[in-house]
Amino acid sequence: MRMLDREQAAAALARGEAVVLPTDTVYGVGVAVGAVDDPTALFRLKGRPAGKPVAWLVAGTDELDRYGRAVPAWARGLAERFWPGGLTLVVPASDAVPPGFRSAAGTIGLRMPACDAALDLLRAVGAPLAVTSANRSGCPDTGALEHLDTALVDRTAGLYRGEAAGAATVAAPGSAFAAHASAPSSVASTVVDCTGEEPVILRQGALGLDDLKGCRS
């Protein structure tokens, strides 16, 4: 596997190439929004039929309103409470979302990861990353480096793990992300539909319905 530093990974993404990266949940493979118009490259890598939406990783809670439209107050409350973390919010897509990344219903999934390596890369690229789990379609995803599909990784620009040697995440003690300074959890994010009057869980993951209570307005 080719290992990339932050500058190499950001440059590859800016060229429209896919990069494998850690998150706080599982290892992902992503492309930079703007450098590509849709997630077709990810479908090809995974051997997955086109059409299934691919969520974006974003660098801050403010991007919920930049890329979302008519976002309900309770959804903002979820972001404020659980971002960065294992929660993907599905919201109506704003005009800032290229049509190729929107679902058939006109939505986009957004998440801020609790992973300094991923956040550093997002900031270096200066754009959201469309990221899906780094596994072939039908195979299990993983948060363990040794279980990554090397054949898949070899078809990308390479693997970015963070600027600290051998670390999947980088967080200084006492920082906002210190609690997340371990390897990916191997538990996928919870996906919540935020297009209605209350949260609807589309995929159970790191958070459950009880965790989400109290964030409705």
N, C-alpha and C. Protein backbone atom coordinates (compact mmCIF):
# COMPACT_ATOMS: atom_id res chain seq x y z
N MET A 1 0.84 -1.19 0.00
CA MET A 1 0.00 0.00 0.00
C MET A 1 0.88 1.24 0.00
N ARG A 2 0.51 2.21 -0.81
CA ARG A 2 1.24 3.47 -0.82
C ARG A 2 0.73 4.34 0.32
N MET A 3 1.64 4.81 1.17
CA MET A 3 1.29 5.69 2.28
C MET A 3 1.46 7.13 1.85
N LEU A 4 0.50 7.96 2.19
CA LEU A 4 0.50 9.37 1.80
C LEU A 4 0.61 10.27 3.02
N ASP A 5 1.38 11.35 2.89
CA ASP A 5 1.30 12.37 3.92
C ASP A 5 0.15 13.32 3.56
N ARG A 6 -0.09 14.30 4.43
CA ARG A 6 -1.26 15.16 4.23
C ARG A 6 -1.21 15.91 2.91
N GLU A 7 -0.05 16.44 2.57
CA GLU A 7 0.06 17.21 1.33
C GLU A 7 -0.16 16.32 0.11
N GLN A 8 0.39 15.11 0.14
CA GLN A 8 0.20 14.18 -0.97
C GLN A 8 -1.27 13.77 -1.10
N ALA A 9 -1.90 13.50 0.04
CA ALA A 9 -3.30 13.09 0.01
C ALA A 9 -4.19 14.22 -0.49
N ALA A 10 -3.94 15.44 0.00
CA ALA A 10 -4.74 16.59 -0.44
C ALA A 10 -4.55 16.85 -1.93
N ALA A 11 -3.32 16.72 -2.41
CA ALA A 11 -3.05 16.95 -3.83
C ALA A 11 -3.75 15.90 -4.69
N ALA A 12 -3.72 14.64 -4.24
CA ALA A 12 -4.39 13.58 -4.99
C ALA A 12 -5.90 13.83 -5.04
N LEU A 13 -6.47 14.21 -3.93
CA LEU A 13 -7.91 14.50 -3.90
C LEU A 13 -8.24 15.68 -4.81
N ALA A 14 -7.40 16.70 -4.81
CA ALA A 14 -7.63 17.87 -5.67
C ALA A 14 -7.57 17.50 -7.15
N ARG A 15 -6.84 16.44 -7.47
CA ARG A 15 -6.78 15.96 -8.85
C ARG A 15 -7.97 15.07 -9.22
N GLY A 16 -8.84 14.83 -8.25
CA GLY A 16 -9.99 13.98 -8.51
C GLY A 16 -9.76 12.52 -8.22
N GLU A 17 -8.63 12.20 -7.58
CA GLU A 17 -8.33 10.81 -7.25
C GLU A 17 -8.95 10.43 -5.90
N ALA A 18 -9.17 9.14 -5.70
CA ALA A 18 -9.70 8.64 -4.44
C ALA A 18 -8.56 8.36 -3.47
N VAL A 19 -8.83 8.55 -2.18
CA VAL A 19 -7.85 8.31 -1.12
C VAL A 19 -8.55 7.52 -0.01
N VAL A 20 -7.84 6.57 0.59
CA VAL A 20 -8.34 5.84 1.76
C VAL A 20 -7.87 6.58 3.00
N LEU A 21 -8.77 6.74 3.97
CA LEU A 21 -8.47 7.52 5.17
C LEU A 21 -9.19 6.96 6.38
N PRO A 22 -8.66 7.22 7.58
CA PRO A 22 -9.36 6.79 8.79
C PRO A 22 -10.46 7.79 9.14
N THR A 23 -11.47 7.30 9.83
CA THR A 23 -12.44 8.16 10.49
C THR A 23 -12.57 7.64 11.91
N ASP A 24 -13.47 8.21 12.69
CA ASP A 24 -13.69 7.71 14.04
C ASP A 24 -14.53 6.45 14.05
N THR A 25 -15.11 6.08 12.91
CA THR A 25 -15.98 4.90 12.85
C THR A 25 -15.26 3.75 12.14
N VAL A 26 -15.15 3.82 10.82
CA VAL A 26 -14.44 2.80 10.04
C VAL A 26 -13.54 3.50 9.03
N TYR A 27 -12.62 2.74 8.45
CA TYR A 27 -11.82 3.31 7.37
C TYR A 27 -12.73 3.62 6.18
N GLY A 28 -12.46 4.74 5.53
CA GLY A 28 -13.27 5.14 4.38
C GLY A 28 -12.42 5.38 3.16
N VAL A 29 -13.09 5.43 2.02
CA VAL A 29 -12.45 5.83 0.78
C VAL A 29 -13.25 7.00 0.25
N GLY A 30 -12.55 8.08 -0.12
CA GLY A 30 -13.26 9.29 -0.46
C GLY A 30 -12.69 10.03 -1.65
N VAL A 31 -13.51 10.94 -2.16
CA VAL A 31 -13.12 11.87 -3.22
C VAL A 31 -13.53 13.26 -2.78
N ALA A 32 -12.87 14.26 -3.34
CA ALA A 32 -13.14 15.65 -2.96
C ALA A 32 -14.28 16.22 -3.79
N VAL A 33 -15.25 16.80 -3.11
CA VAL A 33 -16.36 17.47 -3.78
C VAL A 33 -15.81 18.71 -4.50
N GLY A 34 -16.16 18.86 -5.74
CA GLY A 34 -15.63 19.96 -6.55
C GLY A 34 -14.57 19.47 -7.51
N ALA A 35 -13.71 18.58 -7.02
CA ALA A 35 -12.72 17.97 -7.92
C ALA A 35 -13.39 16.93 -8.81
N VAL A 36 -14.47 16.33 -8.31
CA VAL A 36 -15.30 15.42 -9.10
C VAL A 36 -16.75 15.88 -8.97
N ASP A 37 -17.57 15.52 -9.95
CA ASP A 37 -18.96 15.97 -9.97
C ASP A 37 -19.92 14.99 -9.35
N ASP A 38 -19.46 13.77 -9.10
CA ASP A 38 -20.34 12.74 -8.54
C ASP A 38 -19.47 11.62 -7.97
N PRO A 39 -20.07 10.66 -7.27
CA PRO A 39 -19.28 9.60 -6.62
C PRO A 39 -19.04 8.37 -7.49
N THR A 40 -19.10 8.52 -8.82
CA THR A 40 -18.95 7.37 -9.71
C THR A 40 -17.67 6.58 -9.44
N ALA A 41 -16.57 7.28 -9.17
CA ALA A 41 -15.29 6.60 -8.93
C ALA A 41 -15.38 5.67 -7.72
N LEU A 42 -16.15 6.07 -6.71
CA LEU A 42 -16.30 5.24 -5.52
C LEU A 42 -17.11 3.99 -5.82
N PHE A 43 -18.14 4.13 -6.65
CA PHE A 43 -18.94 2.96 -7.04
C PHE A 43 -18.06 1.94 -7.78
N ARG A 44 -17.20 2.44 -8.64
CA ARG A 44 -16.33 1.54 -9.40
C ARG A 44 -15.35 0.83 -8.48
N LEU A 45 -14.77 1.54 -7.53
CA LEU A 45 -13.83 0.94 -6.60
C LEU A 45 -14.47 -0.16 -5.77
N LYS A 46 -15.70 0.08 -5.34
CA LYS A 46 -16.38 -0.86 -4.46
C LYS A 46 -17.13 -1.96 -5.22
N GLY A 47 -17.27 -1.79 -6.55
CA GLY A 47 -18.06 -2.75 -7.30
C GLY A 47 -19.51 -2.67 -6.94
N ARG A 48 -19.98 -1.45 -6.69
CA ARG A 48 -21.35 -1.23 -6.23
C ARG A 48 -22.15 -0.54 -7.32
N PRO A 49 -23.40 -0.94 -7.52
CA PRO A 49 -24.23 -0.26 -8.52
C PRO A 49 -24.35 1.23 -8.20
N ALA A 50 -24.34 2.04 -9.24
CA ALA A 50 -24.48 3.49 -9.04
C ALA A 50 -25.89 3.80 -8.56
N GLY A 51 -26.01 4.94 -7.89
CA GLY A 51 -27.32 5.41 -7.49
C GLY A 51 -27.50 5.56 -6.00
N LYS A 52 -26.80 4.76 -5.20
CA LYS A 52 -26.92 4.89 -3.75
C LYS A 52 -26.16 6.12 -3.29
N PRO A 53 -26.81 7.02 -2.54
CA PRO A 53 -26.12 8.26 -2.14
C PRO A 53 -24.89 7.98 -1.28
N VAL A 54 -23.91 8.87 -1.39
CA VAL A 54 -22.69 8.79 -0.59
C VAL A 54 -22.64 10.03 0.29
N ALA A 55 -22.53 9.82 1.59
CA ALA A 55 -22.52 10.95 2.53
C ALA A 55 -21.20 11.71 2.45
N TRP A 56 -21.25 12.96 2.92
CA TRP A 56 -20.06 13.81 2.94
C TRP A 56 -19.53 13.93 4.35
N LEU A 57 -18.21 14.00 4.47
CA LEU A 57 -17.57 14.44 5.70
C LEU A 57 -17.31 15.94 5.57
N VAL A 58 -17.66 16.68 6.63
CA VAL A 58 -17.48 18.13 6.63
C VAL A 58 -16.64 18.52 7.84
N ALA A 59 -16.11 19.75 7.81
CA ALA A 59 -15.15 20.18 8.82
C ALA A 59 -15.77 20.94 9.98
N GLY A 60 -17.06 21.27 9.92
CA GLY A 60 -17.66 22.04 11.00
C GLY A 60 -19.17 22.04 10.95
N THR A 61 -19.80 22.40 12.07
CA THR A 61 -21.26 22.41 12.16
C THR A 61 -21.89 23.47 11.25
N ASP A 62 -21.14 24.53 10.93
CA ASP A 62 -21.68 25.58 10.07
C ASP A 62 -21.98 25.06 8.66
N GLU A 63 -21.33 23.96 8.29
CA GLU A 63 -21.54 23.43 6.94
C GLU A 63 -22.89 22.72 6.81
N LEU A 64 -23.54 22.46 7.93
CA LEU A 64 -24.88 21.89 7.88
C LEU A 64 -25.83 22.84 7.16
N ASP A 65 -25.73 24.13 7.43
CA ASP A 65 -26.60 25.11 6.77
C ASP A 65 -26.06 25.52 5.40
N ARG A 66 -24.76 25.38 5.19
CA ARG A 66 -24.21 25.70 3.87
C ARG A 66 -24.67 24.70 2.81
N TYR A 67 -24.64 23.42 3.19
CA TYR A 67 -24.98 22.38 2.22
C TYR A 67 -26.38 21.82 2.41
N GLY A 68 -27.02 22.18 3.52
CA GLY A 68 -28.39 21.79 3.76
C GLY A 68 -29.33 22.96 3.52
N ARG A 69 -30.58 22.65 3.23
CA ARG A 69 -31.60 23.68 2.99
C ARG A 69 -32.78 23.42 3.92
N ALA A 70 -33.29 24.49 4.51
CA ALA A 70 -34.44 24.39 5.41
C ALA A 70 -34.17 23.35 6.50
N VAL A 71 -32.99 23.44 7.09
CA VAL A 71 -32.61 22.49 8.14
C VAL A 71 -33.39 22.82 9.41
N PRO A 72 -34.13 21.86 9.97
CA PRO A 72 -34.90 22.16 11.18
C PRO A 72 -34.01 22.44 12.37
N ALA A 73 -34.53 23.22 13.30
CA ALA A 73 -33.74 23.59 14.48
C ALA A 73 -33.31 22.37 15.27
N TRP A 74 -34.17 21.35 15.34
CA TRP A 74 -33.79 20.17 16.12
C TRP A 74 -32.62 19.42 15.47
N ALA A 75 -32.50 19.51 14.14
CA ALA A 75 -31.36 18.88 13.48
C ALA A 75 -30.07 19.63 13.80
N ARG A 76 -30.15 20.96 13.87
CA ARG A 76 -28.99 21.73 14.30
C ARG A 76 -28.59 21.35 15.72
N GLY A 77 -29.61 21.11 16.55
CA GLY A 77 -29.34 20.68 17.92
C GLY A 77 -28.59 19.36 17.97
N LEU A 78 -28.96 18.44 17.08
CA LEU A 78 -28.25 17.16 17.01
C LEU A 78 -26.79 17.37 16.63
N ALA A 79 -26.56 18.25 15.65
CA ALA A 79 -25.19 18.52 15.22
C ALA A 79 -24.38 19.16 16.34
N GLU A 80 -24.99 20.10 17.04
CA GLU A 80 -24.28 20.78 18.12
C GLU A 80 -23.94 19.83 19.26
N ARG A 81 -24.82 18.84 19.46
CA ARG A 81 -24.61 17.90 20.56
C ARG A 81 -23.68 16.75 20.19
N PHE A 82 -23.78 16.25 18.98
CA PHE A 82 -23.10 15.00 18.63
C PHE A 82 -21.98 15.15 17.60
N TRP A 83 -21.80 16.34 17.04
CA TRP A 83 -20.67 16.56 16.14
C TRP A 83 -19.54 17.22 16.91
N PRO A 84 -18.31 16.84 16.70
CA PRO A 84 -17.90 15.73 15.85
C PRO A 84 -18.28 14.40 16.48
N GLY A 85 -18.64 13.43 15.66
CA GLY A 85 -19.02 12.13 16.18
C GLY A 85 -19.71 11.26 15.15
N GLY A 86 -20.23 10.14 15.62
CA GLY A 86 -20.78 9.11 14.74
C GLY A 86 -22.22 9.31 14.37
N LEU A 87 -22.55 10.47 13.84
CA LEU A 87 -23.92 10.79 13.46
C LEU A 87 -23.94 11.46 12.09
N THR A 88 -24.63 10.82 11.14
CA THR A 88 -24.82 11.39 9.81
C THR A 88 -26.24 11.94 9.71
N LEU A 89 -26.35 13.20 9.33
CA LEU A 89 -27.65 13.87 9.22
C LEU A 89 -28.03 14.01 7.75
N VAL A 90 -29.18 13.47 7.38
CA VAL A 90 -29.68 13.57 6.01
C VAL A 90 -30.64 14.74 5.94
N VAL A 91 -30.29 15.73 5.12
CA VAL A 91 -31.07 16.97 5.03
C VAL A 91 -31.33 17.30 3.56
N PRO A 92 -32.33 18.14 3.28
CA PRO A 92 -32.52 18.59 1.90
C PRO A 92 -31.26 19.32 1.42
N ALA A 93 -30.80 18.99 0.23
CA ALA A 93 -29.56 19.57 -0.28
C ALA A 93 -29.77 21.00 -0.77
N SER A 94 -28.82 21.86 -0.45
CA SER A 94 -28.86 23.23 -0.95
C SER A 94 -28.30 23.27 -2.36
N ASP A 95 -28.34 24.45 -2.98
CA ASP A 95 -27.80 24.61 -4.33
C ASP A 95 -26.28 24.43 -4.37
N ALA A 96 -25.63 24.46 -3.19
CA ALA A 96 -24.18 24.28 -3.14
C ALA A 96 -23.77 22.81 -3.32
N VAL A 97 -24.74 21.91 -3.32
CA VAL A 97 -24.46 20.49 -3.50
C VAL A 97 -24.62 20.15 -4.98
N PRO A 98 -23.57 19.70 -5.66
CA PRO A 98 -23.70 19.33 -7.07
C PRO A 98 -24.78 18.26 -7.26
N PRO A 99 -25.57 18.36 -8.33
CA PRO A 99 -26.66 17.40 -8.54
C PRO A 99 -26.21 15.95 -8.49
N GLY A 100 -24.99 15.65 -8.93
CA GLY A 100 -24.53 14.28 -8.94
C GLY A 100 -24.34 13.66 -7.58
N PHE A 101 -24.30 14.48 -6.54
CA PHE A 101 -24.15 13.98 -5.18
C PHE A 101 -25.48 13.91 -4.43
N ARG A 102 -26.53 14.44 -4.99
CA ARG A 102 -27.83 14.43 -4.29
C ARG A 102 -28.52 13.09 -4.50
N SER A 103 -29.31 12.71 -3.51
CA SER A 103 -30.12 11.50 -3.66
C SER A 103 -31.27 11.77 -4.61
N ALA A 104 -32.00 10.74 -4.97
CA ALA A 104 -33.17 10.91 -5.84
C ALA A 104 -34.20 11.82 -5.20
N ALA A 105 -34.20 11.86 -3.87
CA ALA A 105 -35.14 12.72 -3.15
C ALA A 105 -34.59 14.13 -2.94
N GLY A 106 -33.38 14.41 -3.46
CA GLY A 106 -32.80 15.74 -3.34
C GLY A 106 -32.16 16.01 -2.00
N THR A 107 -31.67 14.96 -1.34
CA THR A 107 -31.06 15.13 -0.03
C THR A 107 -29.56 14.85 -0.09
N ILE A 108 -28.88 15.21 1.01
CA ILE A 108 -27.46 14.92 1.17
C ILE A 108 -27.22 14.54 2.62
N GLY A 109 -26.35 13.55 2.85
CA GLY A 109 -25.97 13.17 4.21
C GLY A 109 -24.68 13.87 4.59
N LEU A 110 -24.64 14.45 5.78
CA LEU A 110 -23.49 15.21 6.25
C LEU A 110 -23.05 14.71 7.62
N ARG A 111 -21.73 14.69 7.84
CA ARG A 111 -21.19 14.27 9.14
C ARG A 111 -19.85 14.95 9.38
N MET A 112 -19.64 15.40 10.61
CA MET A 112 -18.33 15.89 11.04
C MET A 112 -17.68 14.80 11.87
N PRO A 113 -16.58 14.21 11.41
CA PRO A 113 -15.98 13.09 12.14
C PRO A 113 -15.16 13.54 13.34
N ALA A 114 -15.17 12.74 14.39
CA ALA A 114 -14.35 13.01 15.57
C ALA A 114 -12.99 12.34 15.37
N CYS A 115 -12.28 12.80 14.37
CA CYS A 115 -11.00 12.19 13.99
C CYS A 115 -10.11 13.30 13.46
N ASP A 116 -9.04 13.59 14.16
CA ASP A 116 -8.18 14.69 13.76
C ASP A 116 -7.54 14.45 12.40
N ALA A 117 -7.21 13.18 12.08
CA ALA A 117 -6.60 12.90 10.78
C ALA A 117 -7.57 13.28 9.66
N ALA A 118 -8.83 12.88 9.79
CA ALA A 118 -9.82 13.21 8.77
C ALA A 118 -10.07 14.72 8.71
N LEU A 119 -10.16 15.36 9.87
CA LEU A 119 -10.41 16.80 9.89
C LEU A 119 -9.23 17.58 9.31
N ASP A 120 -8.01 17.15 9.61
CA ASP A 120 -6.83 17.81 9.03
C ASP A 120 -6.87 17.73 7.50
N LEU A 121 -7.26 16.56 6.99
CA LEU A 121 -7.31 16.40 5.54
C LEU A 121 -8.42 17.24 4.93
N LEU A 122 -9.56 17.29 5.59
CA LEU A 122 -10.66 18.13 5.11
C LEU A 122 -10.21 19.59 5.00
N ARG A 123 -9.51 20.06 6.01
CA ARG A 123 -9.07 21.46 6.01
C ARG A 123 -8.00 21.70 4.96
N ALA A 124 -7.14 20.70 4.74
CA ALA A 124 -6.10 20.84 3.72
C ALA A 124 -6.71 20.89 2.32
N VAL A 125 -7.76 20.12 2.11
CA VAL A 125 -8.43 20.10 0.81
C VAL A 125 -9.29 21.34 0.63
N GLY A 126 -9.91 21.80 1.71
CA GLY A 126 -10.78 22.98 1.64
C GLY A 126 -12.13 22.70 1.03
N ALA A 127 -12.57 21.45 1.10
CA ALA A 127 -13.87 21.05 0.55
C ALA A 127 -14.33 19.79 1.26
N PRO A 128 -15.64 19.53 1.25
CA PRO A 128 -16.10 18.26 1.82
C PRO A 128 -15.54 17.08 1.05
N LEU A 129 -15.52 15.94 1.72
CA LEU A 129 -15.12 14.69 1.08
C LEU A 129 -16.33 13.75 1.05
N ALA A 130 -16.63 13.24 -0.12
CA ALA A 130 -17.65 12.20 -0.24
C ALA A 130 -16.98 10.89 0.12
N VAL A 131 -17.40 10.27 1.20
CA VAL A 131 -16.69 9.11 1.75
C VAL A 131 -17.64 7.96 2.00
N THR A 132 -17.23 6.78 1.59
CA THR A 132 -17.95 5.55 1.89
C THR A 132 -16.95 4.56 2.49
N SER A 133 -17.44 3.50 3.09
CA SER A 133 -16.54 2.56 3.76
C SER A 133 -15.57 1.94 2.75
N ALA A 134 -14.35 1.71 3.21
CA ALA A 134 -13.28 1.22 2.33
C ALA A 134 -13.32 -0.31 2.25
N ASN A 135 -14.33 -0.81 1.57
CA ASN A 135 -14.49 -2.25 1.38
C ASN A 135 -15.23 -2.51 0.08
N ARG A 136 -15.01 -3.68 -0.48
CA ARG A 136 -15.76 -4.07 -1.66
C ARG A 136 -17.21 -4.29 -1.28
N SER A 137 -18.12 -4.02 -2.21
CA SER A 137 -19.54 -4.20 -1.96
C SER A 137 -19.82 -5.63 -1.52
N GLY A 138 -20.56 -5.77 -0.42
CA GLY A 138 -20.89 -7.08 0.09
C GLY A 138 -19.91 -7.62 1.11
N CYS A 139 -18.76 -6.96 1.26
CA CYS A 139 -17.75 -7.37 2.24
C CYS A 139 -17.86 -6.48 3.48
N PRO A 140 -17.42 -6.96 4.64
CA PRO A 140 -17.54 -6.16 5.86
C PRO A 140 -16.62 -4.94 5.83
N ASP A 141 -17.09 -3.85 6.44
CA ASP A 141 -16.20 -2.70 6.61
C ASP A 141 -15.34 -2.94 7.84
N THR A 142 -14.35 -2.08 8.06
CA THR A 142 -13.42 -2.32 9.16
C THR A 142 -12.82 -1.03 9.69
N GLY A 143 -12.49 -1.07 10.97
CA GLY A 143 -11.73 0.00 11.58
C GLY A 143 -10.30 -0.43 11.88
N ALA A 144 -9.96 -1.64 11.45
CA ALA A 144 -8.63 -2.19 11.72
C ALA A 144 -7.76 -2.10 10.47
N LEU A 145 -6.60 -1.50 10.62
CA LEU A 145 -5.69 -1.33 9.49
C LEU A 145 -5.36 -2.66 8.83
N GLU A 146 -5.13 -3.68 9.65
CA GLU A 146 -4.70 -4.97 9.10
C GLU A 146 -5.80 -5.68 8.31
N HIS A 147 -7.04 -5.21 8.45
CA HIS A 147 -8.14 -5.84 7.73
C HIS A 147 -8.55 -5.07 6.48
N LEU A 148 -7.84 -3.99 6.18
CA LEU A 148 -8.16 -3.24 4.96
C LEU A 148 -7.93 -4.11 3.73
N ASP A 149 -8.78 -3.92 2.74
CA ASP A 149 -8.64 -4.63 1.46
C ASP A 149 -7.50 -3.97 0.68
N THR A 150 -6.33 -4.60 0.67
CA THR A 150 -5.17 -3.98 0.04
C THR A 150 -5.36 -3.82 -1.47
N ALA A 151 -6.12 -4.72 -2.08
CA ALA A 151 -6.38 -4.60 -3.51
C ALA A 151 -7.18 -3.34 -3.80
N LEU A 152 -8.14 -3.02 -2.93
CA LEU A 152 -8.91 -1.79 -3.10
C LEU A 152 -8.01 -0.57 -2.89
N VAL A 153 -7.22 -0.60 -1.82
CA VAL A 153 -6.34 0.53 -1.54
C VAL A 153 -5.39 0.78 -2.71
N ASP A 154 -4.88 -0.30 -3.30
CA ASP A 154 -3.92 -0.16 -4.40
C ASP A 154 -4.54 0.44 -5.66
N ARG A 155 -5.86 0.49 -5.73
CA ARG A 155 -6.54 1.09 -6.87
C ARG A 155 -6.84 2.57 -6.62
N THR A 156 -6.43 3.08 -5.46
CA THR A 156 -6.59 4.50 -5.13
C THR A 156 -5.22 5.17 -5.17
N ALA A 157 -5.19 6.47 -4.86
CA ALA A 157 -3.91 7.17 -4.78
C ALA A 157 -3.07 6.67 -3.61
N GLY A 158 -3.73 6.11 -2.59
CA GLY A 158 -3.00 5.59 -1.44
C GLY A 158 -3.77 5.77 -0.15
N LEU A 159 -3.09 5.49 0.95
CA LEU A 159 -3.67 5.52 2.29
C LEU A 159 -3.08 6.68 3.08
N TYR A 160 -3.95 7.53 3.63
CA TYR A 160 -3.54 8.61 4.53
C TYR A 160 -3.98 8.24 5.93
N ARG A 161 -3.04 8.24 6.87
CA ARG A 161 -3.38 7.82 8.24
C ARG A 161 -3.26 8.95 9.25
N GLY A 162 -2.77 10.09 8.86
CA GLY A 162 -2.57 11.16 9.82
C GLY A 162 -1.11 11.52 9.93
N GLU A 163 -0.84 12.66 10.50
CA GLU A 163 0.53 13.15 10.55
C GLU A 163 1.37 12.53 11.65
N ALA A 164 0.74 11.94 12.68
CA ALA A 164 1.51 11.26 13.72
C ALA A 164 1.83 9.86 13.24
N ALA A 165 3.06 9.43 13.40
CA ALA A 165 3.49 8.14 12.89
C ALA A 165 2.65 7.02 13.47
N GLY A 166 2.01 6.26 12.57
CA GLY A 166 1.26 5.09 12.99
C GLY A 166 -0.05 5.39 13.66
N ALA A 167 -0.49 6.64 13.68
CA ALA A 167 -1.73 6.97 14.38
C ALA A 167 -2.86 7.14 13.41
N ALA A 168 -4.01 6.58 13.76
CA ALA A 168 -5.19 6.76 12.93
C ALA A 168 -5.84 8.09 13.23
N THR A 169 -5.68 8.58 14.45
CA THR A 169 -6.19 9.89 14.82
C THR A 169 -5.13 10.61 15.62
N VAL A 170 -5.18 11.93 15.62
CA VAL A 170 -4.18 12.72 16.32
C VAL A 170 -4.91 13.75 17.18
N ALA A 171 -4.80 13.64 18.49
CA ALA A 171 -5.48 14.59 19.36
C ALA A 171 -4.60 14.86 20.57
N ALA A 172 -4.34 16.13 20.84
CA ALA A 172 -3.54 16.48 21.99
C ALA A 172 -4.33 16.22 23.27
N PRO A 173 -3.68 15.77 24.36
CA PRO A 173 -4.38 15.57 25.62
C PRO A 173 -5.10 16.85 26.04
N GLY A 174 -6.35 16.70 26.46
CA GLY A 174 -7.13 17.83 26.90
C GLY A 174 -7.82 18.58 25.79
N SER A 175 -7.58 18.20 24.52
CA SER A 175 -8.23 18.88 23.41
C SER A 175 -9.67 18.40 23.28
N ALA A 176 -10.42 19.07 22.43
CA ALA A 176 -11.82 18.70 22.23
C ALA A 176 -11.95 17.29 21.69
N PHE A 177 -10.90 16.78 21.05
CA PHE A 177 -10.97 15.47 20.43
C PHE A 177 -10.20 14.41 21.21
N ALA A 178 -9.72 14.73 22.40
CA ALA A 178 -8.89 13.79 23.14
C ALA A 178 -9.61 12.47 23.40
N ALA A 179 -10.93 12.54 23.60
CA ALA A 179 -11.69 11.33 23.87
C ALA A 179 -11.76 10.43 22.66
N HIS A 180 -11.41 10.96 21.50
CA HIS A 180 -11.52 10.20 20.25
C HIS A 180 -10.16 9.88 19.66
N ALA A 181 -9.11 9.93 20.48
CA ALA A 181 -7.76 9.77 19.96
C ALA A 181 -7.33 8.31 19.87
N SER A 182 -8.28 7.40 19.62
CA SER A 182 -7.96 6.00 19.46
C SER A 182 -8.22 5.59 18.03
N ALA A 183 -7.99 4.32 17.73
CA ALA A 183 -8.25 3.82 16.38
C ALA A 183 -9.74 3.87 16.08
N PRO A 184 -10.13 3.80 14.80
CA PRO A 184 -11.55 3.78 14.47
C PRO A 184 -12.29 2.72 15.26
N SER A 185 -13.53 3.01 15.61
CA SER A 185 -14.31 2.14 16.49
C SER A 185 -14.82 0.88 15.82
N SER A 186 -14.85 0.85 14.49
CA SER A 186 -15.42 -0.23 13.69
C SER A 186 -16.95 -0.26 13.76
N VAL A 187 -17.55 0.76 14.39
CA VAL A 187 -19.01 0.88 14.42
C VAL A 187 -19.40 2.04 13.51
N ALA A 188 -20.19 1.75 12.49
CA ALA A 188 -20.57 2.78 11.53
C ALA A 188 -21.41 3.86 12.19
N SER A 189 -21.48 5.02 11.56
CA SER A 189 -22.28 6.11 12.11
C SER A 189 -23.77 5.79 12.04
N THR A 190 -24.51 6.38 12.94
CA THR A 190 -25.97 6.34 12.87
C THR A 190 -26.42 7.35 11.82
N VAL A 191 -27.32 6.95 10.95
CA VAL A 191 -27.83 7.84 9.90
C VAL A 191 -29.26 8.24 10.25
N VAL A 192 -29.50 9.55 10.31
CA VAL A 192 -30.79 10.07 10.72
C VAL A 192 -31.39 10.93 9.62
N ASP A 193 -32.63 10.63 9.25
CA ASP A 193 -33.39 11.44 8.30
C ASP A 193 -33.91 12.67 9.03
N CYS A 194 -33.49 13.85 8.55
CA CYS A 194 -33.88 15.12 9.18
C CYS A 194 -34.83 15.91 8.28
N THR A 195 -35.53 15.24 7.39
CA THR A 195 -36.41 15.94 6.45
C THR A 195 -37.84 16.08 6.96
N GLY A 196 -38.15 15.47 8.09
CA GLY A 196 -39.50 15.55 8.65
C GLY A 196 -39.54 16.36 9.92
N GLU A 197 -40.56 16.12 10.72
CA GLU A 197 -40.75 16.89 11.94
C GLU A 197 -40.00 16.32 13.12
N GLU A 198 -39.51 15.09 12.98
CA GLU A 198 -38.75 14.48 14.05
C GLU A 198 -37.72 13.52 13.45
N PRO A 199 -36.69 13.17 14.22
CA PRO A 199 -35.64 12.30 13.67
C PRO A 199 -36.15 10.89 13.39
N VAL A 200 -35.73 10.36 12.25
CA VAL A 200 -36.03 8.98 11.88
C VAL A 200 -34.71 8.29 11.58
N ILE A 201 -34.41 7.24 12.32
CA ILE A 201 -33.14 6.52 12.12
C ILE A 201 -33.24 5.64 10.87
N LEU A 202 -32.36 5.91 9.91
CA LEU A 202 -32.29 5.11 8.69
C LEU A 202 -31.31 3.96 8.84
N ARG A 203 -30.29 4.14 9.67
CA ARG A 203 -29.32 3.08 9.96
C ARG A 203 -28.85 3.21 11.39
N GLN A 204 -29.02 2.15 12.15
CA GLN A 204 -28.55 2.15 13.53
C GLN A 204 -27.03 1.99 13.55
N GLY A 205 -26.37 2.81 14.32
CA GLY A 205 -24.92 2.74 14.41
C GLY A 205 -24.44 3.12 15.78
N ALA A 206 -23.55 4.09 15.83
CA ALA A 206 -22.91 4.48 17.09
C ALA A 206 -23.89 5.07 18.09
N LEU A 207 -24.97 5.66 17.62
CA LEU A 207 -25.96 6.29 18.49
C LEU A 207 -27.32 5.64 18.30
N GLY A 208 -28.11 5.58 19.37
CA GLY A 208 -29.46 5.03 19.32
C GLY A 208 -30.51 6.12 19.48
N LEU A 209 -31.78 5.73 19.36
CA LEU A 209 -32.86 6.69 19.45
C LEU A 209 -32.88 7.38 20.80
N ASP A 210 -32.56 6.65 21.86
CA ASP A 210 -32.55 7.26 23.20
C ASP A 210 -31.51 8.37 23.28
N ASP A 211 -30.40 8.22 22.58
CA ASP A 211 -29.36 9.27 22.57
C ASP A 211 -29.86 10.55 21.94
N LEU A 212 -30.79 10.40 20.99
CA LEU A 212 -31.24 11.55 20.22
C LEU A 212 -32.38 12.31 20.88
N LYS A 213 -32.97 11.73 21.89
CA LYS A 213 -34.11 12.38 22.56
C LYS A 213 -33.68 13.69 23.20
N GLY A 214 -34.59 14.65 23.21
CA GLY A 214 -34.33 15.93 23.84
C GLY A 214 -33.78 16.97 22.90
N CYS A 215 -33.55 16.59 21.61
CA CYS A 215 -33.00 17.55 20.66
C CYS A 215 -34.07 18.10 19.72
N ARG A 216 -35.31 17.73 19.91
CA ARG A 216 -36.39 18.28 19.09
C ARG A 216 -36.81 19.64 19.63
N SER A 217 -37.26 20.49 18.73
CA SER A 217 -37.76 21.81 19.17
C SER A 217 -39.25 21.88 18.93
